[in-house]
């Protein structure tokens, strides 16, 4: 009886381990402004759902979706802790197919990836999320390694981050 329980437990552990997905990661290679911190994340098997509120504002949600991934870059400006409204953050989000090997998009084609830029600060009238339709996005992957590069600009609001580069491992 003990042997059957031990054998069943080992089989269960091995079957769970076999189902773990291979983890793809992004490593930021572009410079981050010296006055802040930057990070990039890959949300595997998620899609980017862009939503508009009743006032024309845009926000997003991540939804479980097999075969898609969301790339999220974030820059946080370092501010003094005693400043109540001193925070400043920029976000870049886009959605790609998990099996994407190469991508080369420019300007309005960027919306094929739902590329959005977010600016969050105490900046009346110059904060929120906005579609990016001016710039260039390239992805080149061989096997599971590759490079992601985004160069963009928006005329709707000021921005600090204009370029992001990352290695895909």
C-alpha atoms as a PDB file:
ATOM      1  CA  UNK A   1       0.000   0.000   0.000  1.00  0.00           C
ATOM      2  CA  UNK A   2       2.807   2.426   0.903  1.00  0.00           C
ATOM      3  CA  UNK A   3       4.541   1.678  -2.392  1.00  0.00           C
ATOM      4  CA  UNK A   4       1.385   2.499  -4.344  1.00  0.00           C
ATOM      5  CA  UNK A   5       0.990   5.836  -2.534  1.00  0.00           C
ATOM      6  CA  UNK A   6       4.661   6.764  -3.042  1.00  0.00           C
ATOM      7  CA  UNK A   7       4.520   5.712  -6.716  1.00  0.00           C
ATOM      8  CA  UNK A   8       1.309   7.729  -7.232  1.00  0.00           C
ATOM      9  CA  UNK A   9       2.851  10.793  -5.544  1.00  0.00           C
ATOM     10  CA  UNK A  10       6.003  10.600  -7.686  1.00  0.00           C
ATOM     11  CA  UNK A  11       3.929  10.192 -10.857  1.00  0.00           C
ATOM     12  CA  UNK A  12       1.821  13.224  -9.863  1.00  0.00           C
ATOM     13  CA  UNK A  13       4.879  15.404  -9.204  1.00  0.00           C
ATOM     14  CA  UNK A  14       6.523  14.410 -12.476  1.00  0.00           C
ATOM     15  CA  UNK A  15       3.348  15.020 -14.468  1.00  0.00           C
ATOM     16  CA  UNK A  16       2.963  18.497 -12.954  1.00  0.00           C
ATOM     17  CA  UNK A  17       6.558  19.368 -13.778  1.00  0.00           C
ATOM     18  CA  UNK A  18       6.158  18.173 -17.357  1.00  0.00           C
ATOM     19  CA  UNK A  19       3.282  20.617 -17.866  1.00  0.00           C
ATOM     20  CA  UNK A  20       5.213  23.728 -16.871  1.00  0.00           C
ATOM     21  CA  UNK A  21       5.492  26.059 -19.860  1.00  0.00           C
ATOM     22  CA  UNK A  22       8.895  27.130 -21.083  1.00  0.00           C
ATOM     23  CA  UNK A  23       9.433  30.616 -19.709  1.00  0.00           C
ATOM     24  CA  UNK A  24      10.280  33.342 -22.154  1.00  0.00           C
ATOM     25  CA  UNK A  25      11.704  36.490 -20.606  1.00  0.00           C
ATOM     26  CA  UNK A  26      12.526  40.014 -21.707  1.00  0.00           C
ATOM     27  CA  UNK A  27      15.712  41.735 -20.609  1.00  0.00           C
ATOM     28  CA  UNK A  28      15.764  45.502 -20.979  1.00  0.00           C
ATOM     29  CA  UNK A  29      18.807  46.682 -22.960  1.00  0.00           C
ATOM     30  CA  UNK A  30      17.881  50.336 -23.585  1.00  0.00           C
ATOM     31  CA  UNK A  31      19.021  53.024 -21.194  1.00  0.00           C
ATOM     32  CA  UNK A  32      16.671  54.133 -18.460  1.00  0.00           C
ATOM     33  CA  UNK A  33      16.679  57.815 -17.459  1.00  0.00           C
ATOM     34  CA  UNK A  34      19.008  58.298 -14.485  1.00  0.00           C
ATOM     35  CA  UNK A  35      16.223  59.887 -12.440  1.00  0.00           C
ATOM     36  CA  UNK A  36      14.074  56.747 -12.328  1.00  0.00           C
ATOM     37  CA  UNK A  37      13.707  53.004 -12.707  1.00  0.00           C
ATOM     38  CA  UNK A  38      12.580  50.952 -15.696  1.00  0.00           C
ATOM     39  CA  UNK A  39      11.245  47.443 -16.018  1.00  0.00           C
ATOM     40  CA  UNK A  40       9.801  45.261 -18.755  1.00  0.00           C
ATOM     41  CA  UNK A  41       7.513  42.260 -18.348  1.00  0.00           C
ATOM     42  CA  UNK A  42       6.081  39.603 -20.613  1.00  0.00           C
ATOM     43  CA  UNK A  43       2.571  38.445 -19.683  1.00  0.00           C
ATOM     44  CA  UNK A  44       2.325  35.099 -21.463  1.00  0.00           C
ATOM     45  CA  UNK A  45      -1.103  33.871 -22.613  1.00  0.00           C
ATOM     46  CA  UNK A  46      -2.740  37.240 -21.998  1.00  0.00           C
ATOM     47  CA  UNK A  47      -4.376  39.668 -24.391  1.00  0.00           C
ATOM     48  CA  UNK A  48      -4.634  43.442 -24.148  1.00  0.00           C
ATOM     49  CA  UNK A  49      -8.223  44.653 -23.961  1.00  0.00           C
ATOM     50  CA  UNK A  50      -8.471  48.408 -24.581  1.00  0.00           C
ATOM     51  CA  UNK A  51     -11.572  49.978 -23.016  1.00  0.00           C
ATOM     52  CA  UNK A  52     -13.007  53.489 -23.342  1.00  0.00           C
ATOM     53  CA  UNK A  53     -15.007  55.109 -20.559  1.00  0.00           C
ATOM     54  CA  UNK A  54     -18.005  57.437 -20.986  1.00  0.00           C
ATOM     55  CA  UNK A  55     -15.729  60.487 -21.049  1.00  0.00           C
ATOM     56  CA  UNK A  56     -13.472  59.271 -23.881  1.00  0.00           C
ATOM     57  CA  UNK A  57     -10.703  58.148 -21.545  1.00  0.00           C
ATOM     58  CA  UNK A  58      -8.870  54.926 -22.287  1.00  0.00           C
ATOM     59  CA  UNK A  59      -7.748  52.166 -19.950  1.00  0.00           C
ATOM     60  CA  UNK A  60      -6.887  48.504 -20.344  1.00  0.00           C
ATOM     61  CA  UNK A  61      -7.338  45.065 -18.847  1.00  0.00           C
ATOM     62  CA  UNK A  62      -5.324  41.893 -19.326  1.00  0.00           C
ATOM     63  CA  UNK A  63      -7.424  38.871 -20.264  1.00  0.00           C
ATOM     64  CA  UNK A  64      -6.411  35.177 -20.255  1.00  0.00           C
ATOM     65  CA  UNK A  65      -5.964  34.260 -23.926  1.00  0.00           C
ATOM     66  CA  UNK A  66      -4.034  31.275 -25.234  1.00  0.00           C
ATOM     67  CA  UNK A  67      -1.622  32.113 -28.038  1.00  0.00           C
ATOM     68  CA  UNK A  68      -1.149  35.806 -27.157  1.00  0.00           C
ATOM     69  CA  UNK A  69       1.271  37.747 -24.940  1.00  0.00           C
ATOM     70  CA  UNK A  70       1.340  41.292 -23.625  1.00  0.00           C
ATOM     71  CA  UNK A  71       4.599  43.218 -23.298  1.00  0.00           C
ATOM     72  CA  UNK A  72       4.525  45.902 -20.594  1.00  0.00           C
ATOM     73  CA  UNK A  73       7.323  48.461 -20.197  1.00  0.00           C
ATOM     74  CA  UNK A  74       7.199  50.851 -17.253  1.00  0.00           C
ATOM     75  CA  UNK A  75       9.294  53.886 -16.268  1.00  0.00           C
ATOM     76  CA  UNK A  76       8.878  55.306 -12.742  1.00  0.00           C
ATOM     77  CA  UNK A  77      10.502  58.631 -11.999  1.00  0.00           C
ATOM     78  CA  UNK A  78      12.125  58.821  -8.579  1.00  0.00           C
ATOM     79  CA  UNK A  79      10.498  61.579  -6.545  1.00  0.00           C
ATOM     80  CA  UNK A  80      10.769  62.851  -3.025  1.00  0.00           C
ATOM     81  CA  UNK A  81       8.637  60.818  -0.640  1.00  0.00           C
ATOM     82  CA  UNK A  82       7.220  63.927   1.034  1.00  0.00           C
ATOM     83  CA  UNK A  83       5.703  65.271  -2.208  1.00  0.00           C
ATOM     84  CA  UNK A  84       2.047  64.296  -2.203  1.00  0.00           C
ATOM     85  CA  UNK A  85       1.443  64.723  -5.947  1.00  0.00           C
ATOM     86  CA  UNK A  86       5.006  64.207  -7.133  1.00  0.00           C
ATOM     87  CA  UNK A  87       4.656  60.782  -8.781  1.00  0.00           C
ATOM     88  CA  UNK A  88       5.381  60.311 -12.487  1.00  0.00           C
ATOM     89  CA  UNK A  89       5.082  57.091 -14.512  1.00  0.00           C
ATOM     90  CA  UNK A  90       5.039  56.126 -18.181  1.00  0.00           C
ATOM     91  CA  UNK A  91       3.763  52.801 -19.552  1.00  0.00           C
ATOM     92  CA  UNK A  92       4.032  51.165 -22.955  1.00  0.00           C
ATOM     93  CA  UNK A  93       1.874  48.115 -23.667  1.00  0.00           C
ATOM     94  CA  UNK A  94       1.423  45.962 -26.747  1.00  0.00           C
ATOM     95  CA  UNK A  95       0.049  42.555 -27.677  1.00  0.00           C
ATOM     96  CA  UNK A  96       1.742  39.973 -29.910  1.00  0.00           C
ATOM     97  CA  UNK A  97       1.071  36.392 -30.960  1.00  0.00           C
ATOM     98  CA  UNK A  98       3.168  33.877 -29.028  1.00  0.00           C
ATOM     99  CA  UNK A  99       4.480  32.380 -32.275  1.00  0.00           C
ATOM    100  CA  UNK A 100       5.643  35.724 -33.716  1.00  0.00           C
ATOM    101  CA  UNK A 101       9.104  35.296 -35.253  1.00  0.00           C
ATOM    102  CA  UNK A 102       9.416  38.642 -37.011  1.00  0.00           C
ATOM    103  CA  UNK A 103       7.443  41.861 -36.965  1.00  0.00           C
ATOM    104  CA  UNK A 104       8.134  45.162 -38.679  1.00  0.00           C
ATOM    105  CA  UNK A 105       5.390  47.761 -38.218  1.00  0.00           C
ATOM    106  CA  UNK A 106       5.321  51.522 -38.757  1.00  0.00           C
ATOM    107  CA  UNK A 107       2.940  54.323 -37.826  1.00  0.00           C
ATOM    108  CA  UNK A 108      -0.750  53.307 -38.063  1.00  0.00           C
ATOM    109  CA  UNK A 109       0.309  49.639 -38.522  1.00  0.00           C
ATOM    110  CA  UNK A 110       1.374  49.767 -34.850  1.00  0.00           C
ATOM    111  CA  UNK A 111      -2.276  49.355 -33.895  1.00  0.00           C
ATOM    112  CA  UNK A 112      -2.089  45.746 -35.137  1.00  0.00           C
ATOM    113  CA  UNK A 113      -0.425  45.198 -31.734  1.00  0.00           C
ATOM    114  CA  UNK A 114      -2.826  47.547 -29.866  1.00  0.00           C
ATOM    115  CA  UNK A 115       0.232  49.636 -28.874  1.00  0.00           C
ATOM    116  CA  UNK A 116      -0.691  52.171 -26.194  1.00  0.00           C
ATOM    117  CA  UNK A 117       1.293  54.729 -24.213  1.00  0.00           C
ATOM    118  CA  UNK A 118       0.331  55.846 -20.724  1.00  0.00           C
ATOM    119  CA  UNK A 119       1.404  58.891 -18.760  1.00  0.00           C
ATOM    120  CA  UNK A 120       0.462  59.127 -15.089  1.00  0.00           C
ATOM    121  CA  UNK A 121       1.192  62.215 -13.050  1.00  0.00           C
ATOM    122  CA  UNK A 122      -0.410  65.258 -11.499  1.00  0.00           C
ATOM    123  CA  UNK A 123      -0.466  66.918 -14.932  1.00  0.00           C
ATOM    124  CA  UNK A 124      -3.974  68.230 -15.559  1.00  0.00           C
ATOM    125  CA  UNK A 125      -5.208  67.327 -19.052  1.00  0.00           C
ATOM    126  CA  UNK A 126      -1.977  65.516 -19.958  1.00  0.00           C
ATOM    127  CA  UNK A 127      -2.416  62.121 -18.357  1.00  0.00           C
ATOM    128  CA  UNK A 128      -3.977  58.789 -19.304  1.00  0.00           C
ATOM    129  CA  UNK A 129      -3.542  56.166 -22.018  1.00  0.00           C
ATOM    130  CA  UNK A 130      -3.282  56.959 -25.732  1.00  0.00           C
ATOM    131  CA  UNK A 131      -3.003  54.923 -28.943  1.00  0.00           C
ATOM    132  CA  UNK A 132       0.433  55.133 -30.553  1.00  0.00           C
ATOM    133  CA  UNK A 133       0.273  55.698 -34.304  1.00  0.00           C
ATOM    134  CA  UNK A 134       3.657  57.309 -34.916  1.00  0.00           C
ATOM    135  CA  UNK A 135       6.783  55.188 -34.735  1.00  0.00           C
ATOM    136  CA  UNK A 136       8.325  51.834 -35.535  1.00  0.00           C
ATOM    137  CA  UNK A 137       8.231  48.409 -33.894  1.00  0.00           C
ATOM    138  CA  UNK A 138      10.515  45.526 -34.831  1.00  0.00           C
ATOM    139  CA  UNK A 139      10.764  42.035 -33.411  1.00  0.00           C
ATOM    140  CA  UNK A 140      13.270  39.475 -34.686  1.00  0.00           C
ATOM    141  CA  UNK A 141      13.361  35.991 -33.119  1.00  0.00           C
ATOM    142  CA  UNK A 142      15.435  32.953 -33.974  1.00  0.00           C
ATOM    143  CA  UNK A 143      14.457  29.889 -31.958  1.00  0.00           C
ATOM    144  CA  UNK A 144      13.592  31.421 -28.549  1.00  0.00           C
ATOM    145  CA  UNK A 145      16.067  34.316 -28.643  1.00  0.00           C
ATOM    146  CA  UNK A 146      15.497  37.656 -30.246  1.00  0.00           C
ATOM    147  CA  UNK A 147      15.316  41.429 -30.072  1.00  0.00           C
ATOM    148  CA  UNK A 148      12.406  43.817 -29.552  1.00  0.00           C
ATOM    149  CA  UNK A 149      12.749  47.486 -30.496  1.00  0.00           C
ATOM    150  CA  UNK A 150      10.173  50.269 -30.266  1.00  0.00           C
ATOM    151  CA  UNK A 151      10.741  53.881 -31.337  1.00  0.00           C
ATOM    152  CA  UNK A 152       7.683  56.109 -31.029  1.00  0.00           C
ATOM    153  CA  UNK A 153       6.294  59.531 -30.311  1.00  0.00           C
ATOM    154  CA  UNK A 154       2.942  61.028 -29.480  1.00  0.00           C
ATOM    155  CA  UNK A 155       1.834  64.556 -30.185  1.00  0.00           C
ATOM    156  CA  UNK A 156      -1.041  64.381 -27.669  1.00  0.00           C
ATOM    157  CA  UNK A 157       1.047  64.600 -24.472  1.00  0.00           C
ATOM    158  CA  UNK A 158       4.688  65.135 -23.455  1.00  0.00           C
ATOM    159  CA  UNK A 159       6.789  62.009 -23.008  1.00  0.00           C
ATOM    160  CA  UNK A 160      10.186  61.080 -21.598  1.00  0.00           C
ATOM    161  CA  UNK A 161      10.535  57.550 -22.994  1.00  0.00           C
ATOM    162  CA  UNK A 162      10.753  57.469 -26.794  1.00  0.00           C
ATOM    163  CA  UNK A 163      12.633  54.225 -27.370  1.00  0.00           C
ATOM    164  CA  UNK A 164      12.674  50.775 -25.759  1.00  0.00           C
ATOM    165  CA  UNK A 165      14.950  47.860 -26.601  1.00  0.00           C
ATOM    166  CA  UNK A 166      14.926  44.418 -25.037  1.00  0.00           C
ATOM    167  CA  UNK A 167      16.406  40.986 -25.594  1.00  0.00           C
ATOM    168  CA  UNK A 168      14.026  38.052 -25.758  1.00  0.00           C
ATOM    169  CA  UNK A 169      15.476  35.052 -23.917  1.00  0.00           C
END
